Amino acid sequence: MAVSKKLLPLAAMEKVLKNSGAERVSDKAKAALKEVVEEISEEIAQNAVRLASHAGRKTVKARDIKLAAKS
């Protein structure tokens, strides 16, 4: 497994999984969820930046994130 960026804590991944009904969560499961969530987040962020830029703004707004997440 590649060295992960320290964007999201593993504890947050465990909390998400437990809130979804998991009784126990392995370290590998936390790391896998973290990796997937970070990849998806990065794609959404890049699309949101493009949307803001296309609208002639330097500021990324909540509506850019929401729209980027839908596409």
Protein backbone atom coordinates (compact mmCIF):
# COMPACT_ATOMS: atom_id res chain seq x y z
CA MET A 1 0.00 0.00 0.00
CA ALA A 2 1.32 3.45 -0.92
CA VAL A 3 2.11 6.03 1.71
CA SER A 4 -1.14 7.88 2.34
CA LYS A 5 -1.52 11.62 2.59
CA LYS A 6 -2.56 12.76 6.06
CA LEU A 7 -5.84 14.30 4.94
CA LEU A 8 -8.41 12.22 6.78
CA PRO A 9 -7.80 10.47 10.08
CA LEU A 10 -8.33 6.72 10.33
CA ALA A 11 -10.45 7.31 13.43
CA ALA A 12 -12.96 9.18 11.26
CA MET A 13 -13.12 6.22 8.88
CA GLU A 14 -13.80 3.89 11.80
CA LYS A 15 -16.57 6.19 13.02
CA VAL A 16 -18.21 6.22 9.58
CA LEU A 17 -18.10 2.44 9.40
CA LYS A 18 -19.43 2.00 12.93
CA ASN A 19 -22.19 4.53 12.30
CA SER A 20 -23.09 2.39 9.29
CA GLY A 21 -23.56 -0.65 11.50
CA ALA A 22 -20.14 -2.30 11.74
CA GLU A 23 -19.43 -3.78 15.15
CA ARG A 24 -15.70 -4.10 14.57
CA VAL A 25 -13.46 -2.54 11.93
CA SER A 26 -10.04 -3.76 10.82
CA ASP A 27 -7.14 -1.39 10.27
CA LYS A 28 -7.05 -2.45 6.61
CA ALA A 29 -10.74 -1.60 6.20
CA LYS A 30 -10.17 1.87 7.69
CA ALA A 31 -7.20 2.44 5.38
CA ALA A 32 -9.12 1.21 2.33
CA LEU A 33 -12.08 3.50 3.04
CA LYS A 34 -9.70 6.42 3.62
CA GLU A 35 -8.01 5.81 0.27
CA VAL A 36 -11.29 5.61 -1.64
CA VAL A 37 -12.82 8.66 0.08
CA GLU A 38 -9.69 10.73 -0.56
CA GLU A 39 -9.65 9.75 -4.26
CA ILE A 40 -13.32 10.66 -4.69
CA SER A 41 -12.83 13.90 -2.75
CA GLU A 42 -9.92 14.92 -4.94
CA GLU A 43 -11.95 14.35 -8.12
CA ILE A 44 -14.87 16.37 -6.76
CA ALA A 45 -12.54 19.17 -5.65
CA GLN A 46 -10.86 19.36 -9.06
CA ASN A 47 -14.24 19.51 -10.81
CA ALA A 48 -15.45 22.18 -8.37
CA VAL A 49 -12.37 24.31 -9.08
CA ARG A 50 -13.06 23.99 -12.82
CA LEU A 51 -16.69 25.04 -12.30
CA ALA A 52 -15.69 28.09 -10.26
CA SER A 53 -13.09 29.05 -12.85
CA HIS A 54 -15.60 28.61 -15.68
CA ALA A 55 -17.95 30.95 -13.79
CA GLY A 56 -15.14 33.53 -13.61
CA ARG A 57 -14.52 33.07 -9.88
CA LYS A 58 -11.40 32.25 -7.91
CA THR A 59 -13.49 31.23 -4.91
CA VAL A 60 -14.92 27.72 -4.83
CA LYS A 61 -18.42 27.83 -3.37
CA ALA A 62 -20.64 25.18 -1.83
CA ARG A 63 -22.75 25.06 -4.98
CA ASP A 64 -19.63 24.17 -7.00
CA ILE A 65 -18.96 21.23 -4.69
CA LYS A 66 -22.57 20.04 -4.86
CA LEU A 67 -22.66 20.31 -8.64
CA ALA A 68 -19.28 18.60 -9.01
CA ALA A 69 -20.41 15.74 -6.77
CA LYS A 70 -23.40 15.08 -9.03
CA SER A 71 -21.30 14.71 -12.17
